[in-house]
Amino acid sequence: MADMDLKSIAEKMRDIDFAILSTRTEGGEIAGRPMSNNREVEFDGDSFFFTLEETRTVDDIKRDPKVGLGYQGKSGLLGAKPFFITVEGRAELIRDKGAFAEHWTKDLDRWFEKGIDTPGLLLLKISAERLHYWDGTDEGELRLGAHAAAD
């Protein structure tokens, strides 16, 4: 297994625009949907995504805050190795406009026309507990937060 630290993983994640957010539905199934990673975000173990209150995503998180994220980096261009990362973590629903402003980018205006004043806007904070990564030849795992102390 390769040994990458959080800073190295964050560097590889910087240019990834979308993640797949997976939640557990009311019936116990796994539901996945694309979420914008907004690129150029310095990953420190927490990921942030905007959504609306009246969505199945939010209903799922209210029932069970344990979620998964899947990322795929660019590969194949000029011989670049593929890069994949999966994140297991806990979701938190944030309704604070100050936090919205802190994480807002102009690219979000295309989905939320009234910006941080969009009715029902929520910020999802996903705190990573476990990361697993593959770069085409090597793989590895990092444990963060409460789970890191247990290992």
Protein backbone atom coordinates (compact mmCIF):
# COMPACT_ATOMS: atom_id res chain seq x y z
CA MET A 1 0.00 0.00 0.00
CA ALA A 2 1.20 3.49 -0.84
CA ASP A 3 1.54 6.10 1.86
CA MET A 4 0.07 9.47 0.89
CA ASP A 5 -0.66 12.11 3.47
CA LEU A 6 -3.69 14.40 3.54
CA LYS A 7 -1.77 17.24 1.83
CA SER A 8 -0.81 14.98 -1.12
CA ILE A 9 -4.40 13.78 -1.47
CA ALA A 10 -5.68 17.37 -1.31
CA GLU A 11 -3.34 18.34 -4.15
CA LYS A 12 -4.68 15.55 -6.36
CA MET A 13 -8.29 16.46 -5.49
CA ARG A 14 -7.88 20.17 -6.29
CA ASP A 15 -8.80 19.87 -9.97
CA ILE A 16 -11.67 17.43 -9.55
CA ASP A 17 -14.91 19.27 -10.27
CA PHE A 18 -17.57 16.71 -9.28
CA ALA A 19 -18.03 14.09 -6.60
CA ILE A 20 -20.73 11.46 -6.22
CA LEU A 21 -22.44 11.83 -2.83
CA SER A 22 -23.99 8.58 -1.61
CA THR A 23 -26.62 8.38 1.12
CA ARG A 24 -28.84 5.64 2.53
CA THR A 25 -32.50 6.01 1.57
CA GLU A 26 -35.54 5.41 3.75
CA GLY A 27 -35.82 1.88 2.33
CA GLY A 28 -32.13 1.16 2.97
CA GLU A 29 -30.95 1.47 -0.62
CA ILE A 30 -27.86 3.46 -1.58
CA ALA A 31 -28.61 6.63 -3.57
CA GLY A 32 -25.89 8.58 -5.37
CA ARG A 33 -25.95 12.00 -6.99
CA PRO A 34 -23.32 14.31 -8.46
CA MET A 35 -22.31 17.32 -6.38
CA SER A 36 -20.02 20.15 -7.45
CA ASN A 37 -16.67 20.16 -5.70
CA ASN A 38 -16.07 23.69 -7.07
CA ARG A 39 -12.44 22.83 -7.85
CA GLU A 40 -9.61 24.79 -6.35
CA VAL A 41 -10.80 23.88 -2.86
CA GLU A 42 -8.12 23.05 -0.33
CA PHE A 43 -9.29 19.69 1.09
CA ASP A 44 -8.51 19.37 4.80
CA GLY A 45 -10.77 16.41 5.58
CA ASP A 46 -13.99 18.41 5.21
CA SER A 47 -15.95 18.80 1.98
CA PHE A 48 -18.71 21.36 1.41
CA PHE A 49 -21.62 21.21 -1.02
CA PHE A 50 -24.70 23.35 -1.52
CA THR A 51 -28.18 21.88 -1.89
CA LEU A 52 -31.79 22.73 -1.08
CA GLU A 53 -33.68 21.81 2.08
CA GLU A 54 -36.54 20.08 0.25
CA THR A 55 -34.50 17.32 -1.38
CA ARG A 56 -34.23 13.60 -0.95
CA THR A 57 -30.54 14.10 -0.18
CA VAL A 58 -31.37 16.17 2.90
CA ASP A 59 -34.11 13.73 3.99
CA ASP A 60 -31.61 10.87 3.75
CA ILE A 61 -28.99 12.76 5.79
CA LYS A 62 -31.51 13.68 8.49
CA ARG A 63 -32.22 9.95 8.91
CA ASP A 64 -28.60 8.78 8.67
CA PRO A 65 -25.69 11.25 8.52
CA LYS A 66 -23.19 8.57 7.43
CA VAL A 67 -22.40 9.26 3.77
CA GLY A 68 -19.90 8.41 1.07
CA LEU A 69 -18.15 10.50 -1.56
CA GLY A 70 -16.51 9.22 -4.73
CA TYR A 71 -14.03 11.20 -6.83
CA GLN A 72 -12.27 10.42 -10.11
CA GLY A 73 -9.35 12.50 -11.25
CA LYS A 74 -8.20 13.06 -14.79
CA SER A 75 -6.48 10.13 -16.41
CA GLY A 76 -5.15 9.10 -19.76
CA LEU A 77 -4.07 12.61 -20.78
CA LEU A 78 -0.38 12.67 -21.64
CA GLY A 79 0.10 9.36 -19.87
CA ALA A 80 -1.35 10.56 -16.56
CA LYS A 81 -2.21 7.76 -14.12
CA PRO A 82 -5.84 7.56 -13.03
CA PHE A 83 -6.69 8.76 -9.53
CA PHE A 84 -9.71 7.61 -7.54
CA ILE A 85 -10.70 8.40 -3.99
CA THR A 86 -13.57 7.29 -1.82
CA VAL A 87 -14.49 9.06 1.40
CA GLU A 88 -16.58 7.75 4.25
CA GLY A 89 -17.80 10.44 6.59
CA ARG A 90 -20.55 12.23 8.46
CA ALA A 91 -22.75 14.93 7.00
CA GLU A 92 -23.84 18.05 8.84
CA LEU A 93 -26.60 20.40 7.61
CA ILE A 94 -25.59 24.07 7.92
CA ARG A 95 -28.15 26.88 7.60
CA ASP A 96 -25.89 29.84 8.45
CA LYS A 97 -25.57 32.55 5.74
CA GLY A 98 -22.14 33.48 7.05
CA ALA A 99 -20.96 29.94 6.31
CA PHE A 100 -22.68 30.14 2.90
CA ALA A 101 -20.72 33.29 2.03
CA GLU A 102 -17.46 31.70 3.18
CA HIS A 103 -17.87 28.78 0.74
CA TRP A 104 -19.69 30.52 -2.14
CA THR A 105 -18.17 30.81 -5.60
CA LYS A 106 -19.66 32.59 -8.62
CA ASP A 107 -19.98 29.25 -10.45
CA LEU A 108 -22.78 28.33 -8.02
CA ASP A 109 -24.99 31.14 -9.37
CA ARG A 110 -26.05 28.91 -12.26
CA TRP A 111 -27.76 26.52 -9.82
CA PHE A 112 -28.86 29.00 -7.17
CA GLU A 113 -29.96 32.22 -8.91
CA LYS A 114 -30.45 34.21 -5.70
CA GLY A 115 -27.04 33.27 -4.35
CA ILE A 116 -26.82 32.84 -0.59
CA ASP A 117 -30.34 34.30 -0.35
CA THR A 118 -31.86 31.36 -2.27
CA PRO A 119 -34.87 30.14 -0.26
CA GLY A 120 -34.21 26.75 1.37
CA LEU A 121 -30.46 26.84 0.68
CA LEU A 122 -28.32 24.50 2.80
CA LEU A 123 -24.61 23.85 3.05
CA LEU A 124 -23.61 20.23 3.52
CA LYS A 125 -20.41 19.69 5.45
CA ILE A 126 -18.98 16.20 5.03
CA SER A 127 -16.33 15.40 7.64
CA ALA A 128 -14.15 12.56 6.39
CA GLU A 129 -13.51 9.64 8.71
CA ARG A 130 -11.83 7.31 6.23
CA LEU A 131 -10.26 7.90 2.81
CA HIS A 132 -9.25 5.18 0.36
CA TYR A 133 -7.30 6.11 -2.76
CA TRP A 134 -5.95 4.43 -5.89
CA ASP A 135 -3.58 6.01 -8.38
CA GLY A 136 -3.36 3.30 -11.02
CA THR A 137 -0.61 1.28 -9.37
CA ASP A 138 -0.75 2.07 -5.67
CA GLU A 139 -3.51 2.35 -3.13
CA GLY A 140 -3.78 3.44 0.45
CA GLU A 141 -6.03 4.49 3.25
CA LEU A 142 -6.14 7.33 5.75
CA ARG A 143 -8.29 7.50 8.85
CA LEU A 144 -9.28 10.92 10.13
CA GLY A 145 -11.22 12.35 13.07
CA ALA A 146 -12.58 10.04 15.75
CA HIS A 147 -11.61 6.88 13.84
CA ALA A 148 -7.94 7.87 13.60
CA ALA A 149 -7.66 7.86 17.39
CA ALA A 150 -9.24 4.38 17.58
CA ASP A 151 -6.62 2.77 15.29
